[in-house]
Amino acid sequence: MSLRNFENQIYQELLKINKIAARAFLGALYTFRDVKNPDRFSQAANSLRHVVSLLIRDLKLPDDEEFNKLNAELLKILEEKELIDSYTIKIERKGIMKKKIETFFIEDVNALPDPVKNKVVYVLRKIGNLHDKITGISHYGIEITEEGFQSLIDEFIGILLYILKPTPKIIEELNKLLKVDNPTQEEIEMLKNLLNHPSHVQYFFFNLKNPNWYDILNENSFLSEPNRKDFFFNLNVSIWPQGFYVKHIAKEIPEKVKELLSTYANCKNFRIYRQLLECVYALNSDNIVELLNIIKKWMKICLTITELIILKKIINKLIKSSNILAAIEMFDEILSFKDPEIKVQYENIENKY
């Protein structure tokens, strides 16, 4: 049996990740096309449903083992007391599977810019819905026609093509976008399709230095404050990679950058304060003076050695540009240091932020 180009592409990608999953995918295609097999739909669906399951099978979430033990014990007690039924237990397990799917393919959807996050959440939801339908067919709970099953396979492959696209290919296409001088909405839509992993987001914004991208990125909410809950944390990937771009263009379009930073006045995401302050430092002294009240606001929420190092650079810049009063005001704020809001409410930090 010969594979269509995109089928072979998925098969080759699966081979790199999980050979058993690749075998299951190929088996599903072979079985479905065996028209002499009277049970081909259910058998093919059984192979197909294992593709995703095999990919995430060995994935361990943080505290996954301990959580599963406690969860199983709790559900068993509730079931024995007839306070919960098996359907609810199934939903609990399904929820864990969905989280594993997100973690395997994306790592953390909350680390993505909002316009990309919305698309990825939609795709992940489609994976879950497709998996449910395929499972239903394999368990003889859903009837389907040949045309319907072919459509289901094509949709499944389309999703895998989106989330399993090789990184070198994505980088190649991102490099093409980086060369676009005056982007349009068409380039933005292309960008949304490429930034489906936090590392891709960082690559693009770290290398983007063209101020002509600013307006359209801002209009499409790429430069808005990152999600304040369920933070993605990775030493190799910034929580706010857009900050690299903002810092790059601060000298070229200072007024626009100042306006953008002003929108972060009430930001309590202390993990991006360092990058915000670096963007402030990249501005000219007059713009920095206009942001003093916002800077002091951030300092009241969280102030660490990392922020103090950049604040020292900002004060020196103000002094060198003869903005002495502003420098003194900033210095006084540091000397009047009190326990920041974050430290006082440390026990609630994960819930609050």
Protein backbone atom coordinates (compact mmCIF):
# COMPACT_ATOMS: atom_id res chain seq x y z
CA MET A 1 0.00 0.00 0.00
CA SER A 2 1.36 3.41 -0.94
CA LEU A 3 0.96 6.33 1.46
CA ARG A 4 -0.16 9.79 0.47
CA ASN A 5 2.54 12.46 0.93
CA PHE A 6 1.11 13.91 4.14
CA GLU A 7 0.45 10.41 5.54
CA ASN A 8 4.07 9.48 4.96
CA GLN A 9 5.16 12.78 6.51
CA ILE A 10 3.28 11.98 9.73
CA TYR A 11 4.56 8.40 9.71
CA GLN A 12 8.17 9.61 9.42
CA GLU A 13 7.69 12.12 12.25
CA LEU A 14 6.12 9.48 14.49
CA LEU A 15 9.05 7.15 13.80
CA LYS A 16 11.37 9.77 15.32
CA ILE A 17 9.23 10.07 18.45
CA ASN A 18 7.71 6.66 19.13
CA LYS A 19 8.10 3.67 16.80
CA ILE A 20 5.16 1.81 18.30
CA ALA A 21 2.90 4.83 17.73
CA ALA A 22 4.17 4.98 14.14
CA ARG A 23 3.35 1.29 13.73
CA ALA A 24 -0.15 1.83 15.14
CA PHE A 25 -0.71 4.72 12.72
CA LEU A 26 0.42 2.64 9.75
CA GLY A 27 -1.68 -0.30 10.95
CA ALA A 28 -4.77 1.92 11.10
CA LEU A 29 -4.28 2.99 7.48
CA TYR A 30 -3.66 -0.57 6.25
CA THR A 31 -6.68 -1.95 8.10
CA PHE A 32 -9.01 0.82 6.94
CA ARG A 33 -8.06 0.24 3.29
CA ASP A 34 -8.58 -3.51 3.51
CA VAL A 35 -12.08 -3.47 1.97
CA LYS A 36 -12.40 -7.25 2.46
CA ASN A 37 -12.26 -6.82 6.24
CA PRO A 38 -15.86 -6.50 7.52
CA ASP A 39 -14.67 -5.04 10.84
CA ARG A 40 -12.11 -2.62 9.40
CA PHE A 41 -13.58 0.58 10.89
CA SER A 42 -13.50 -0.59 14.51
CA GLN A 43 -10.11 -2.29 14.13
CA ALA A 44 -8.57 0.72 12.37
CA ALA A 45 -10.04 3.03 15.02
CA ASN A 46 -8.53 0.87 17.76
CA SER A 47 -5.07 1.31 16.23
CA LEU A 48 -5.65 5.02 15.63
CA ARG A 49 -6.75 5.77 19.20
CA HIS A 50 -3.51 4.28 20.49
CA VAL A 51 -1.36 6.71 18.50
CA VAL A 52 -1.88 9.58 20.94
CA SER A 53 -2.08 7.26 23.97
CA LEU A 54 1.31 5.74 23.13
CA LEU A 55 2.90 9.16 22.71
CA ILE A 56 1.86 10.33 26.18
CA ARG A 57 1.95 6.97 27.98
CA ASP A 58 5.30 7.44 29.70
CA LEU A 59 4.85 11.14 30.36
CA LYS A 60 4.91 12.03 34.05
CA LEU A 61 3.31 15.23 35.22
CA PRO A 62 4.72 17.01 38.32
CA ASP A 63 3.73 14.93 41.36
CA ASP A 64 1.78 12.75 38.93
CA GLU A 65 2.38 9.45 40.72
CA GLU A 66 1.48 10.76 44.17
CA PHE A 67 -1.55 12.59 42.79
CA ASN A 68 -2.80 9.49 41.02
CA LYS A 69 -2.50 7.40 44.19
CA LEU A 70 -4.40 9.92 46.29
CA ASN A 71 -6.96 10.49 43.56
CA ALA A 72 -7.56 6.75 43.14
CA GLU A 73 -7.99 6.26 46.88
CA LEU A 74 -10.43 9.17 47.11
CA LEU A 75 -12.47 8.02 44.14
CA LYS A 76 -12.61 4.48 45.50
CA ILE A 77 -13.96 5.70 48.84
CA LEU A 78 -16.52 7.95 47.17
CA GLU A 79 -17.64 5.15 44.87
CA GLU A 80 -18.02 2.72 47.78
CA LYS A 81 -20.20 5.25 49.57
CA GLU A 82 -22.16 5.76 46.34
CA LEU A 83 -21.26 9.45 46.33
CA ILE A 84 -19.72 9.26 42.91
CA ASP A 85 -20.32 7.04 39.91
CA SER A 86 -17.98 5.43 37.41
CA TYR A 87 -18.81 8.07 34.81
CA THR A 88 -17.38 10.81 37.04
CA ILE A 89 -14.26 8.70 37.58
CA LYS A 90 -13.92 8.39 33.82
CA ILE A 91 -14.11 12.18 33.52
CA GLU A 92 -11.33 12.52 36.11
CA ARG A 93 -9.07 10.20 34.10
CA LYS A 94 -10.00 12.00 30.91
CA GLY A 95 -8.93 15.29 32.49
CA ILE A 96 -5.50 13.86 33.29
CA MET A 97 -5.14 12.61 29.72
CA LYS A 98 -5.98 16.04 28.30
CA LYS A 99 -3.34 17.63 30.52
CA LYS A 100 -0.79 15.07 29.34
CA ILE A 101 -1.67 15.78 25.70
CA GLU A 102 -1.07 19.49 26.29
CA THR A 103 2.20 18.86 28.15
CA PHE A 104 3.54 16.47 25.51
CA PHE A 105 2.79 18.58 22.45
CA ILE A 106 3.00 22.15 23.76
CA GLU A 107 4.65 21.89 27.22
CA ASP A 108 2.49 24.69 28.64
CA VAL A 109 -0.20 26.48 26.65
CA ASN A 110 -0.17 29.38 29.14
CA ALA A 111 3.36 30.25 28.00
CA LEU A 112 2.07 31.19 24.54
CA PRO A 113 0.90 34.68 23.48
CA ASP A 114 -2.88 35.02 23.74
CA PRO A 115 -3.67 34.94 19.99
CA VAL A 116 -1.59 31.77 19.58
CA LYS A 117 -2.88 30.26 22.81
CA ASN A 118 -6.48 30.53 21.59
CA LYS A 119 -5.64 28.61 18.42
CA VAL A 120 -3.64 25.94 20.25
CA VAL A 121 -6.39 25.45 22.85
CA TYR A 122 -8.84 24.94 19.99
CA VAL A 123 -6.53 22.36 18.36
CA LEU A 124 -6.00 20.51 21.66
CA ARG A 125 -9.75 20.42 22.19
CA LYS A 126 -10.14 18.95 18.71
CA ILE A 127 -7.58 16.25 19.56
CA GLY A 128 -9.60 15.32 22.64
CA ASN A 129 -12.90 15.27 20.74
CA LEU A 130 -11.40 13.21 17.91
CA HIS A 131 -9.89 10.76 20.39
CA ASP A 132 -13.31 10.34 22.03
CA LYS A 133 -14.97 9.69 18.68
CA ILE A 134 -12.28 7.24 17.56
CA THR A 135 -12.55 5.41 20.88
CA GLY A 136 -16.32 5.20 20.43
CA ILE A 137 -15.89 3.63 17.00
CA SER A 138 -13.32 1.13 18.29
CA HIS A 139 -15.72 0.09 21.08
CA TYR A 140 -18.57 -0.39 18.61
CA GLY A 141 -20.48 2.49 20.17
CA ILE A 142 -20.46 4.72 17.09
CA GLU A 143 -21.38 3.72 13.55
CA ILE A 144 -19.54 5.38 10.68
CA THR A 145 -19.38 5.25 6.87
CA GLU A 146 -16.26 4.83 4.76
CA GLU A 147 -16.45 8.47 3.71
CA GLY A 148 -16.88 9.54 7.32
CA PHE A 149 -13.91 7.48 8.49
CA GLN A 150 -11.69 8.86 5.72
CA SER A 151 -12.70 12.38 6.77
CA LEU A 152 -11.88 11.51 10.39
CA ILE A 153 -8.42 10.21 9.41
CA ASP A 154 -7.73 13.33 7.35
CA GLU A 155 -8.73 15.57 10.26
CA PHE A 156 -6.54 13.55 12.63
CA ILE A 157 -3.59 13.83 10.25
CA GLY A 158 -4.19 17.56 9.78
CA ILE A 159 -3.90 18.14 13.52
CA LEU A 160 -0.75 16.01 13.78
CA LEU A 161 0.78 17.94 10.86
CA TYR A 162 0.22 21.15 12.82
CA ILE A 163 1.64 20.00 16.15
CA LEU A 164 4.37 17.64 14.91
CA LYS A 165 5.85 19.98 12.33
CA PRO A 166 9.66 19.56 12.51
CA THR A 167 11.43 22.38 14.36
CA PRO A 168 13.98 22.98 11.54
CA LYS A 169 11.07 23.55 9.15
CA ILE A 170 9.41 25.96 11.60
CA ILE A 171 12.67 27.88 12.08
CA GLU A 172 13.07 28.10 8.31
CA GLU A 173 9.61 29.64 7.95
CA LEU A 174 10.12 31.96 10.92
CA ASN A 175 13.34 33.21 9.33
CA LYS A 176 11.35 34.13 6.22
CA LEU A 177 8.93 36.14 8.35
CA LEU A 178 11.81 37.89 10.12
CA LYS A 179 12.88 39.26 6.74
CA VAL A 180 9.47 40.82 6.04
CA ASP A 181 9.88 44.59 6.29
CA ASN A 182 6.22 45.67 6.41
CA PRO A 183 4.06 42.82 7.73
CA THR A 184 0.34 42.51 7.00
CA GLN A 185 -2.38 40.45 8.65
CA GLU A 186 -1.43 37.61 6.32
CA GLU A 187 2.01 37.38 7.97
CA ILE A 188 0.38 37.51 11.40
CA GLU A 189 -1.82 34.52 10.55
CA MET A 190 1.27 32.64 9.35
CA LEU A 191 2.98 33.54 12.62
CA LYS A 192 0.07 32.15 14.66
CA ASN A 193 0.46 28.82 12.87
CA LEU A 194 4.19 28.65 13.60
CA LEU A 195 4.38 29.72 17.26
CA ASN A 196 2.88 26.54 18.71
CA HIS A 197 5.65 25.99 21.28
CA PRO A 198 7.26 28.38 23.82
CA SER A 199 10.72 27.85 22.28
CA HIS A 200 9.42 28.99 18.87
CA VAL A 201 7.98 32.13 20.46
CA GLN A 202 11.33 32.93 22.06
CA TYR A 203 13.24 32.33 18.83
CA PHE A 204 11.05 34.72 16.86
CA PHE A 205 10.94 37.60 19.33
CA PHE A 206 14.60 37.31 20.28
CA ASN A 207 15.58 37.73 16.63
CA LEU A 208 12.94 40.28 15.62
CA LYS A 209 14.38 43.81 15.56
CA ASN A 210 12.17 45.53 13.00
CA PRO A 211 10.01 48.33 14.56
CA ASN A 212 7.62 48.06 11.60
CA TRP A 213 6.21 44.91 13.21
CA TYR A 214 5.21 46.75 16.39
CA ASP A 215 1.78 48.12 15.44
CA ILE A 216 0.38 44.95 13.92
CA LEU A 217 1.75 42.78 16.74
CA ASN A 218 0.20 45.10 19.30
CA GLU A 219 -3.12 45.21 17.44
CA ASN A 220 -3.20 41.40 17.52
CA SER A 221 -2.49 41.26 21.29
CA PHE A 222 0.95 39.67 20.92
CA LEU A 223 2.44 42.26 23.28
CA SER A 224 -0.18 42.03 26.01
CA GLU A 225 0.63 40.90 29.56
CA PRO A 226 1.24 37.13 29.78
CA ASN A 227 -1.17 34.91 31.65
CA ARG A 228 -0.95 35.44 35.41
CA LYS A 229 -1.80 31.89 36.46
CA ASP A 230 -0.27 28.47 35.91
CA PHE A 231 3.09 29.89 34.95
CA PHE A 232 5.31 27.96 32.63
CA PHE A 233 8.81 27.83 34.09
CA ASN A 234 11.83 26.83 32.09
CA LEU A 235 15.34 28.18 32.57
CA ASN A 236 15.89 28.11 28.81
CA VAL A 237 12.71 29.93 27.78
CA SER A 238 11.60 33.38 28.91
CA ILE A 239 8.11 33.83 30.35
CA TRP A 240 7.79 37.04 28.30
CA PRO A 241 9.96 36.57 25.18
CA GLN A 242 8.22 39.55 23.56
CA GLY A 243 10.31 41.62 25.97
CA PHE A 244 13.39 40.94 23.84
CA TYR A 245 11.69 42.62 20.89
CA VAL A 246 10.39 45.56 22.94
CA LYS A 247 13.91 46.17 24.25
CA HIS A 248 15.35 46.02 20.72
CA ILE A 249 13.00 48.71 19.38
CA ALA A 250 12.90 51.02 22.43
CA LYS A 251 15.39 53.51 20.97
CA GLU A 252 13.71 53.60 17.55
CA ILE A 253 10.10 54.10 18.67
CA PRO A 254 10.44 55.27 22.31
CA GLU A 255 6.99 56.87 22.58
CA LYS A 256 5.21 53.70 21.52
CA VAL A 257 7.31 51.56 23.84
CA LYS A 258 6.64 53.97 26.71
CA GLU A 259 2.89 53.69 26.01
CA LEU A 260 3.15 49.90 25.95
CA LEU A 261 5.03 49.77 29.26
CA SER A 262 2.37 52.06 30.75
CA THR A 263 -0.22 49.36 30.08
CA TYR A 264 1.78 47.14 32.46
CA ALA A 265 1.34 49.59 35.34
CA ASN A 266 -0.83 47.18 37.33
CA CYS A 267 1.10 44.06 36.32
CA LYS A 268 1.64 41.74 39.28
CA ASN A 269 3.45 39.11 37.27
CA PHE A 270 6.71 39.69 39.16
CA ARG A 271 8.54 37.16 36.98
CA ILE A 272 8.68 39.64 34.10
CA TYR A 273 9.75 42.70 36.12
CA ARG A 274 13.39 42.24 35.17
CA GLN A 275 12.53 42.32 31.46
CA LEU A 276 10.17 45.26 31.93
CA LEU A 277 12.94 47.21 33.67
CA GLU A 278 15.40 46.33 30.91
CA CYS A 279 12.92 47.77 28.41
CA VAL A 280 12.66 50.91 30.56
CA TYR A 281 16.46 51.20 30.66
CA ALA A 282 16.60 51.01 26.85
CA LEU A 283 14.48 54.19 26.61
CA ASN A 284 15.86 57.73 26.72
CA SER A 285 15.98 59.47 30.10
CA ASP A 286 12.95 61.70 29.52
CA ASN A 287 10.77 58.67 28.83
CA ILE A 288 12.15 56.94 31.91
CA VAL A 289 11.16 59.93 34.06
CA GLU A 290 7.58 59.60 32.80
CA LEU A 291 7.53 55.96 33.95
CA LEU A 292 8.90 56.56 37.48
CA ASN A 293 5.56 56.08 39.25
CA ILE A 294 5.01 52.78 37.44
CA ILE A 295 8.50 51.57 38.34
CA LYS A 296 7.86 52.41 42.01
CA LYS A 297 4.61 50.48 41.81
CA TRP A 298 6.47 47.36 40.64
CA MET A 299 9.08 47.83 43.39
CA LYS A 300 6.36 47.74 46.04
CA ILE A 301 5.15 44.36 44.75
CA CYS A 302 8.48 42.58 44.32
CA LEU A 303 12.09 43.70 44.58
CA THR A 304 15.04 41.32 44.34
CA ILE A 305 18.75 41.64 43.62
CA THR A 306 18.01 41.11 39.93
CA GLU A 307 15.74 44.16 39.77
CA LEU A 308 18.11 46.23 41.95
CA ILE A 309 20.96 45.69 39.48
CA ILE A 310 18.89 47.13 36.63
CA LEU A 311 17.53 49.94 38.83
CA LYS A 312 21.12 50.96 39.56
CA LYS A 313 21.76 51.21 35.81
CA ILE A 314 18.60 53.29 35.39
CA ILE A 315 19.67 55.68 38.19
CA ASN A 316 23.12 56.09 36.62
CA LYS A 317 21.51 56.86 33.27
CA LEU A 318 19.30 59.51 34.87
CA ILE A 319 22.31 61.12 36.57
CA LYS A 320 24.36 61.19 33.36
CA SER A 321 21.48 62.90 31.54
CA SER A 322 21.15 65.49 34.34
CA ASN A 323 17.79 64.15 35.56
CA ILE A 324 19.12 64.44 39.11
CA LEU A 325 15.77 64.88 40.87
CA ALA A 326 14.38 61.75 39.21
CA ALA A 327 17.51 59.81 40.19
CA ILE A 328 17.17 60.98 43.82
CA GLU A 329 13.48 60.02 43.83
CA MET A 330 14.36 56.53 42.62
CA PHE A 331 17.21 56.23 45.12
CA ASP A 332 14.95 57.33 47.99
CA GLU A 333 12.42 54.67 46.99
CA ILE A 334 15.12 52.00 47.26
CA LEU A 335 16.30 53.32 50.65
CA SER A 336 12.74 53.32 52.00
CA PHE A 337 12.49 49.64 51.10
CA LYS A 338 9.83 47.63 52.91
CA ASP A 339 8.87 43.99 52.63
CA PRO A 340 7.32 43.81 49.17
CA GLU A 341 3.76 42.63 48.67
CA ILE A 342 4.90 39.31 47.19
CA LYS A 343 7.03 38.45 50.23
CA VAL A 344 4.26 39.33 52.71
CA GLN A 345 1.79 37.13 50.87
CA TYR A 346 4.22 34.36 49.98
CA GLU A 347 1.95 31.60 51.27
CA ASN A 348 -0.70 32.64 48.73
CA ILE A 349 1.65 33.27 45.84
CA GLU A 350 0.56 30.40 43.61
CA ASN A 351 -3.14 31.11 44.14
CA LYS A 352 -2.85 34.85 43.75
CA TYR A 353 -0.53 35.02 40.80
